[in-house]
Every structure is written in structure tokens, then in C-alpha cells.
N, C-alpha and C. Protein backbone atom coordinates (compact mmCIF):
# COMPACT_ATOMS: atom_id res chain seq x y z
N GLN A 1 5.66 -20.26 -1.91
CA GLN A 1 5.19 -18.97 -2.43
C GLN A 1 4.88 -19.10 -3.91
N VAL A 2 3.80 -18.51 -4.33
CA VAL A 2 3.40 -18.56 -5.73
C VAL A 2 4.10 -17.44 -6.49
N GLN A 3 4.50 -17.74 -7.73
CA GLN A 3 5.08 -16.73 -8.62
C GLN A 3 4.03 -16.36 -9.68
N LEU A 4 3.96 -15.07 -9.98
CA LEU A 4 2.93 -14.57 -10.89
C LEU A 4 3.57 -13.79 -12.02
N VAL A 5 3.06 -14.01 -13.23
CA VAL A 5 3.55 -13.29 -14.41
C VAL A 5 2.36 -12.77 -15.20
N GLU A 6 2.29 -11.45 -15.36
CA GLU A 6 1.21 -10.83 -16.12
C GLU A 6 1.62 -10.66 -17.59
N SER A 7 0.62 -10.65 -18.44
CA SER A 7 0.82 -10.37 -19.86
C SER A 7 -0.47 -9.82 -20.42
N GLY A 8 -0.37 -9.28 -21.64
CA GLY A 8 -1.56 -8.82 -22.33
C GLY A 8 -1.76 -7.32 -22.36
N GLY A 9 -0.88 -6.58 -21.69
CA GLY A 9 -1.01 -5.13 -21.73
C GLY A 9 -0.62 -4.58 -23.09
N GLY A 10 -0.87 -3.29 -23.27
CA GLY A 10 -0.52 -2.65 -24.53
C GLY A 10 -1.18 -1.31 -24.67
N LEU A 11 -1.14 -0.80 -25.90
CA LEU A 11 -1.72 0.50 -26.24
C LEU A 11 -3.05 0.26 -26.94
N VAL A 12 -4.09 0.93 -26.48
CA VAL A 12 -5.41 0.76 -27.05
C VAL A 12 -6.12 2.11 -27.07
N GLN A 13 -7.02 2.27 -28.01
CA GLN A 13 -7.77 3.53 -28.11
C GLN A 13 -8.95 3.52 -27.13
N VAL A 14 -9.43 4.71 -26.85
CA VAL A 14 -10.60 4.85 -25.99
C VAL A 14 -11.74 4.00 -26.55
N GLY A 15 -12.39 3.28 -25.64
CA GLY A 15 -13.50 2.41 -26.03
C GLY A 15 -13.08 1.02 -26.43
N GLY A 16 -11.78 0.79 -26.51
CA GLY A 16 -11.29 -0.52 -26.90
C GLY A 16 -11.25 -1.51 -25.76
N SER A 17 -10.69 -2.69 -26.05
CA SER A 17 -10.65 -3.77 -25.07
C SER A 17 -9.25 -4.37 -25.01
N LEU A 18 -8.95 -4.91 -23.85
CA LEU A 18 -7.74 -5.69 -23.64
C LEU A 18 -8.06 -6.83 -22.68
N ARG A 19 -7.33 -7.90 -22.80
CA ARG A 19 -7.47 -9.02 -21.87
C ARG A 19 -6.11 -9.31 -21.24
N LEU A 20 -6.03 -9.08 -19.95
CA LEU A 20 -4.81 -9.36 -19.22
C LEU A 20 -4.83 -10.79 -18.68
N SER A 21 -3.66 -11.41 -18.69
CA SER A 21 -3.52 -12.76 -18.14
C SER A 21 -2.53 -12.74 -17.00
N CYS A 22 -2.75 -13.61 -16.05
CA CYS A 22 -1.83 -13.78 -14.92
C CYS A 22 -1.57 -15.27 -14.80
N ALA A 23 -0.36 -15.68 -15.15
CA ALA A 23 0.01 -17.09 -15.08
C ALA A 23 0.78 -17.35 -13.79
N ALA A 24 0.33 -18.34 -13.04
CA ALA A 24 0.94 -18.65 -11.76
C ALA A 24 1.78 -19.92 -11.85
N SER A 25 2.81 -19.98 -11.00
CA SER A 25 3.64 -21.17 -10.92
C SER A 25 4.12 -21.31 -9.48
N GLY A 26 4.58 -22.50 -9.16
CA GLY A 26 5.13 -22.75 -7.84
C GLY A 26 4.14 -23.29 -6.83
N ARG A 27 2.92 -22.85 -6.91
CA ARG A 27 1.85 -23.33 -6.04
C ARG A 27 0.55 -23.28 -6.83
N PRO A 28 -0.40 -24.14 -6.55
CA PRO A 28 -1.69 -24.08 -7.23
C PRO A 28 -2.48 -22.86 -6.77
N ILE A 29 -3.07 -22.13 -7.71
CA ILE A 29 -3.76 -20.90 -7.33
C ILE A 29 -5.06 -21.16 -6.60
N ILE A 30 -5.50 -22.42 -6.58
CA ILE A 30 -6.71 -22.72 -5.82
C ILE A 30 -6.51 -22.41 -4.34
N ASP A 31 -5.26 -22.30 -3.92
CA ASP A 31 -4.95 -21.95 -2.54
C ASP A 31 -5.11 -20.46 -2.25
N TYR A 32 -5.35 -19.64 -3.32
CA TYR A 32 -5.25 -18.20 -3.18
C TYR A 32 -6.47 -17.44 -3.66
N HIS A 33 -6.78 -16.42 -2.92
CA HIS A 33 -7.68 -15.36 -3.36
C HIS A 33 -6.83 -14.47 -4.27
N MET A 34 -7.33 -14.19 -5.49
CA MET A 34 -6.54 -13.49 -6.48
C MET A 34 -7.11 -12.10 -6.77
N GLY A 35 -6.20 -11.17 -7.03
CA GLY A 35 -6.65 -9.81 -7.29
C GLY A 35 -5.86 -9.14 -8.39
N TRP A 36 -6.46 -8.09 -8.96
CA TRP A 36 -5.78 -7.19 -9.89
C TRP A 36 -5.77 -5.81 -9.25
N PHE A 37 -4.62 -5.17 -9.35
CA PHE A 37 -4.45 -3.80 -8.88
C PHE A 37 -3.81 -3.00 -10.00
N ARG A 38 -3.84 -1.68 -9.87
CA ARG A 38 -3.17 -0.85 -10.87
C ARG A 38 -2.55 0.35 -10.19
N GLN A 39 -1.53 0.88 -10.87
CA GLN A 39 -0.85 2.06 -10.35
C GLN A 39 -0.49 2.98 -11.50
N ALA A 40 -1.03 4.17 -11.45
CA ALA A 40 -0.73 5.20 -12.43
C ALA A 40 0.42 6.06 -11.90
N PRO A 41 1.15 6.73 -12.79
CA PRO A 41 2.27 7.56 -12.34
C PRO A 41 1.84 8.59 -11.30
N GLY A 42 2.58 8.66 -10.20
CA GLY A 42 2.28 9.63 -9.16
C GLY A 42 1.11 9.29 -8.27
N LYS A 43 0.54 8.11 -8.47
CA LYS A 43 -0.61 7.71 -7.66
C LYS A 43 -0.31 6.43 -6.88
N GLU A 44 -1.11 6.19 -5.87
CA GLU A 44 -0.96 4.98 -5.08
C GLU A 44 -1.54 3.78 -5.85
N ARG A 45 -1.06 2.61 -5.49
CA ARG A 45 -1.61 1.40 -6.08
C ARG A 45 -3.05 1.24 -5.59
N GLU A 46 -3.96 0.92 -6.54
CA GLU A 46 -5.36 0.82 -6.17
C GLU A 46 -5.96 -0.51 -6.62
N PHE A 47 -6.97 -0.92 -5.86
CA PHE A 47 -7.69 -2.15 -6.15
C PHE A 47 -8.50 -2.00 -7.42
N VAL A 48 -8.51 -3.06 -8.24
CA VAL A 48 -9.31 -3.09 -9.45
C VAL A 48 -10.39 -4.17 -9.35
N ALA A 49 -9.95 -5.41 -9.11
CA ALA A 49 -10.88 -6.53 -9.06
C ALA A 49 -10.25 -7.69 -8.30
N ALA A 50 -11.10 -8.57 -7.79
CA ALA A 50 -10.60 -9.76 -7.10
C ALA A 50 -11.59 -10.90 -7.29
N ILE A 51 -11.10 -12.11 -7.07
CA ILE A 51 -11.92 -13.30 -7.26
C ILE A 51 -11.57 -14.32 -6.19
N SER A 52 -12.60 -14.95 -5.67
CA SER A 52 -12.41 -15.92 -4.60
C SER A 52 -11.75 -17.19 -5.13
N ARG A 53 -11.35 -18.05 -4.22
CA ARG A 53 -10.64 -19.26 -4.60
C ARG A 53 -11.47 -20.14 -5.52
N SER A 54 -12.76 -20.21 -5.27
CA SER A 54 -13.63 -21.04 -6.09
C SER A 54 -14.02 -20.37 -7.39
N GLY A 55 -13.88 -19.05 -7.42
CA GLY A 55 -14.34 -18.29 -8.58
C GLY A 55 -15.77 -17.82 -8.47
N LEU A 56 -16.45 -18.23 -7.42
CA LEU A 56 -17.86 -17.87 -7.28
C LEU A 56 -18.04 -16.44 -6.78
N GLY A 57 -17.05 -15.93 -6.09
CA GLY A 57 -17.14 -14.56 -5.59
C GLY A 57 -16.24 -13.63 -6.39
N THR A 58 -16.81 -12.54 -6.90
CA THR A 58 -16.02 -11.54 -7.61
C THR A 58 -16.29 -10.16 -7.00
N TYR A 59 -15.29 -9.31 -7.05
CA TYR A 59 -15.33 -8.01 -6.41
C TYR A 59 -14.70 -6.99 -7.35
N TYR A 60 -15.30 -5.80 -7.42
CA TYR A 60 -14.82 -4.79 -8.36
C TYR A 60 -14.79 -3.41 -7.71
N ALA A 61 -13.82 -2.63 -8.15
CA ALA A 61 -13.83 -1.21 -7.81
C ALA A 61 -14.98 -0.55 -8.54
N ASP A 62 -15.57 0.46 -7.95
CA ASP A 62 -16.70 1.14 -8.58
C ASP A 62 -16.32 1.70 -9.95
N SER A 63 -15.08 2.10 -10.10
CA SER A 63 -14.64 2.74 -11.34
C SER A 63 -14.59 1.78 -12.52
N VAL A 64 -14.59 0.48 -12.26
CA VAL A 64 -14.49 -0.49 -13.36
C VAL A 64 -15.71 -1.40 -13.44
N LYS A 65 -16.60 -1.29 -12.50
CA LYS A 65 -17.77 -2.17 -12.45
C LYS A 65 -18.58 -2.02 -13.74
N GLY A 66 -18.94 -3.14 -14.33
CA GLY A 66 -19.70 -3.13 -15.57
C GLY A 66 -18.84 -3.08 -16.82
N ARG A 67 -17.54 -2.79 -16.66
CA ARG A 67 -16.63 -2.73 -17.81
C ARG A 67 -15.57 -3.83 -17.76
N PHE A 68 -15.14 -4.19 -16.57
CA PHE A 68 -14.09 -5.19 -16.39
C PHE A 68 -14.70 -6.48 -15.82
N THR A 69 -14.10 -7.61 -16.20
CA THR A 69 -14.52 -8.90 -15.68
C THR A 69 -13.30 -9.71 -15.29
N ILE A 70 -13.29 -10.19 -14.06
CA ILE A 70 -12.21 -11.05 -13.60
C ILE A 70 -12.69 -12.50 -13.64
N SER A 71 -11.78 -13.39 -14.03
CA SER A 71 -12.13 -14.81 -14.08
C SER A 71 -10.88 -15.64 -13.78
N ARG A 72 -11.11 -16.90 -13.52
CA ARG A 72 -9.99 -17.79 -13.23
C ARG A 72 -10.34 -19.21 -13.65
N VAL A 73 -9.31 -19.96 -14.02
CA VAL A 73 -9.44 -21.39 -14.24
C VAL A 73 -8.33 -22.03 -13.42
N ASN A 74 -8.71 -22.61 -12.30
CA ASN A 74 -7.70 -23.16 -11.39
C ASN A 74 -6.89 -24.27 -12.03
N ALA A 75 -7.53 -25.05 -12.89
CA ALA A 75 -6.82 -26.15 -13.55
C ALA A 75 -5.71 -25.64 -14.46
N LYS A 76 -5.85 -24.39 -14.93
CA LYS A 76 -4.82 -23.78 -15.78
C LYS A 76 -3.90 -22.87 -14.99
N ASN A 77 -4.18 -22.74 -13.70
CA ASN A 77 -3.36 -21.86 -12.84
C ASN A 77 -3.27 -20.44 -13.41
N THR A 78 -4.39 -19.96 -13.92
CA THR A 78 -4.41 -18.67 -14.62
C THR A 78 -5.63 -17.85 -14.19
N VAL A 79 -5.39 -16.55 -14.12
CA VAL A 79 -6.44 -15.56 -13.84
C VAL A 79 -6.43 -14.55 -14.98
N TRP A 80 -7.60 -14.08 -15.36
CA TRP A 80 -7.70 -13.10 -16.43
C TRP A 80 -8.45 -11.85 -15.95
N LEU A 81 -8.18 -10.76 -16.65
CA LEU A 81 -8.95 -9.54 -16.45
C LEU A 81 -9.35 -9.03 -17.83
N GLN A 82 -10.62 -9.19 -18.16
CA GLN A 82 -11.15 -8.67 -19.42
C GLN A 82 -11.56 -7.23 -19.20
N MET A 83 -10.99 -6.33 -19.99
CA MET A 83 -11.24 -4.90 -19.82
C MET A 83 -11.90 -4.37 -21.10
N ASN A 84 -13.10 -3.89 -20.97
CA ASN A 84 -13.85 -3.32 -22.09
C ASN A 84 -14.14 -1.84 -21.86
N LEU A 85 -14.51 -1.16 -22.94
CA LEU A 85 -14.86 0.27 -22.85
C LEU A 85 -13.80 1.06 -22.10
N LEU A 86 -12.56 0.85 -22.49
CA LEU A 86 -11.45 1.46 -21.78
C LEU A 86 -11.46 2.97 -21.92
N LYS A 87 -11.02 3.61 -20.83
CA LYS A 87 -10.98 5.06 -20.75
C LYS A 87 -9.53 5.50 -20.51
N PRO A 88 -9.22 6.76 -20.81
CA PRO A 88 -7.85 7.24 -20.54
C PRO A 88 -7.45 7.07 -19.07
N GLU A 89 -8.40 7.20 -18.17
CA GLU A 89 -8.08 7.07 -16.75
C GLU A 89 -7.79 5.64 -16.32
N ASP A 90 -7.96 4.69 -17.23
CA ASP A 90 -7.57 3.30 -16.95
C ASP A 90 -6.07 3.08 -17.21
N THR A 91 -5.41 4.07 -17.77
CA THR A 91 -3.98 3.96 -18.04
C THR A 91 -3.20 3.77 -16.75
N ALA A 92 -2.41 2.68 -16.69
CA ALA A 92 -1.67 2.36 -15.48
C ALA A 92 -0.86 1.09 -15.73
N VAL A 93 -0.02 0.76 -14.78
CA VAL A 93 0.59 -0.56 -14.73
C VAL A 93 -0.35 -1.45 -13.92
N TYR A 94 -0.70 -2.58 -14.49
CA TYR A 94 -1.62 -3.50 -13.85
C TYR A 94 -0.85 -4.68 -13.26
N TYR A 95 -1.18 -4.99 -12.00
CA TYR A 95 -0.50 -6.04 -11.27
C TYR A 95 -1.48 -7.13 -10.85
N CYS A 96 -1.02 -8.35 -10.94
CA CYS A 96 -1.73 -9.49 -10.41
C CYS A 96 -1.17 -9.78 -9.02
N ALA A 97 -2.04 -10.19 -8.11
CA ALA A 97 -1.59 -10.43 -6.73
C ALA A 97 -2.37 -11.59 -6.12
N ALA A 98 -1.77 -12.20 -5.12
CA ALA A 98 -2.38 -13.36 -4.46
C ALA A 98 -2.29 -13.20 -2.95
N ARG A 99 -3.31 -13.74 -2.28
CA ARG A 99 -3.28 -13.79 -0.82
C ARG A 99 -4.02 -15.02 -0.34
N GLN A 100 -3.64 -15.48 0.81
CA GLN A 100 -4.34 -16.60 1.44
C GLN A 100 -5.25 -16.01 2.50
N GLY A 101 -6.54 -16.10 2.26
CA GLY A 101 -7.49 -15.50 3.18
C GLY A 101 -8.68 -14.97 2.43
N SER A 102 -9.53 -14.27 3.16
CA SER A 102 -10.76 -13.75 2.57
C SER A 102 -10.48 -12.45 1.81
N HIS A 103 -11.55 -11.91 1.20
CA HIS A 103 -11.38 -10.75 0.35
C HIS A 103 -11.00 -9.50 1.15
N THR A 104 -10.15 -8.71 0.52
CA THR A 104 -9.80 -7.39 1.00
C THR A 104 -9.39 -6.55 -0.20
N ASN A 105 -9.64 -5.25 -0.14
CA ASN A 105 -9.23 -4.34 -1.20
C ASN A 105 -7.84 -3.77 -0.97
N ASP A 106 -7.25 -4.05 0.18
CA ASP A 106 -5.99 -3.42 0.57
C ASP A 106 -4.81 -4.16 -0.04
N PRO A 107 -4.03 -3.49 -0.89
CA PRO A 107 -2.88 -4.18 -1.49
C PRO A 107 -1.87 -4.68 -0.45
N ALA A 108 -1.83 -4.05 0.72
CA ALA A 108 -0.89 -4.48 1.75
C ALA A 108 -1.22 -5.89 2.27
N ASP A 109 -2.44 -6.36 2.04
CA ASP A 109 -2.85 -7.68 2.50
C ASP A 109 -2.51 -8.78 1.50
N PHE A 110 -2.01 -8.41 0.32
CA PHE A 110 -1.62 -9.39 -0.69
C PHE A 110 -0.11 -9.60 -0.61
N HIS A 111 0.32 -10.87 -0.60
CA HIS A 111 1.72 -11.13 -0.31
C HIS A 111 2.54 -11.54 -1.52
N SER A 112 1.89 -11.88 -2.62
CA SER A 112 2.62 -12.27 -3.82
C SER A 112 2.18 -11.38 -4.97
N TRP A 113 3.15 -10.87 -5.72
CA TRP A 113 2.88 -9.91 -6.80
C TRP A 113 3.64 -10.28 -8.06
N GLY A 114 3.03 -9.98 -9.20
CA GLY A 114 3.73 -10.07 -10.46
C GLY A 114 4.51 -8.80 -10.72
N GLN A 115 5.15 -8.74 -11.88
CA GLN A 115 6.00 -7.59 -12.21
C GLN A 115 5.21 -6.45 -12.85
N GLY A 116 3.99 -6.74 -13.25
CA GLY A 116 3.13 -5.71 -13.84
C GLY A 116 3.18 -5.69 -15.35
N THR A 117 2.10 -5.19 -15.93
CA THR A 117 2.01 -5.01 -17.37
C THR A 117 1.37 -3.66 -17.64
N GLN A 118 1.94 -2.92 -18.59
CA GLN A 118 1.50 -1.55 -18.86
C GLN A 118 0.25 -1.56 -19.75
N VAL A 119 -0.73 -0.79 -19.35
CA VAL A 119 -1.92 -0.55 -20.16
C VAL A 119 -2.00 0.95 -20.41
N THR A 120 -2.05 1.33 -21.69
CA THR A 120 -2.15 2.73 -22.06
C THR A 120 -3.35 2.91 -22.95
N VAL A 121 -4.24 3.81 -22.55
CA VAL A 121 -5.45 4.09 -23.32
C VAL A 121 -5.30 5.48 -23.90
N SER A 122 -5.29 5.55 -25.21
CA SER A 122 -5.07 6.82 -25.88
C SER A 122 -6.38 7.41 -26.35
N SER A 123 -6.45 8.74 -26.28
CA SER A 123 -7.64 9.44 -26.76
C SER A 123 -7.34 10.13 -28.08
């Protein structure tokens, strides 16, 4: 099982940027389809972005398309989420997740999760 640790969250003003990192250990991430999810208080965990094992396929929620970019470097066992033009509605705990298989937006299909990192966008 792969272990995941997120970092890079924080407090940022509207329109600002943050770059989240997800460092993996225990297994090479080339074995995994990787995703980012987020959960705001009182809301269900929702899909944000995902990237295929090779990195050639990327997938985004409509709410972040054009503002967020997911990337990975398998040799570094790391996945990133570059977040630009942040909005107050992006405020949430962001989680990195891994699954073995093809793309899905359903968090229930991801079997390995990090502890999350808080992102707060202030207006």
C-alpha cells in the first residue's frame, strides 16, 4: 500500500495561487492513477483533478478547469496541484489519493489517502 503526505496548503487571498504537493512512499506511484479531492465543512468530499499513470491523461472538475493544473513526476514519487485564481469557494481540506485502475471521479474508488492539507481563500 502506498502512503501519501500532502503539503503546501495555507491562507491566500482571492485571486492568489498555491501549489500543493503529494509525496508518496512505500510503493512507486507509477503503479497508481492519482487524484486530488477536497472537502469543505458540511459538504461531501468532491473530485478536483486526476492524472493517469503516465501523466498523459488529466481530468478536472468543471469548477476548477482552466485554473488548476495537476502534474506528476514518477521518478520523484510526487504529484502536484497548481491552483491559480483561487476563489473563496475553493476553501476546503485537500486530499491526495491513489487507485490502481482507470480514471473515476468517485472518491470511494480510491483506496489510499493522505491526511489532507487545509486551503483557505480569504476575501
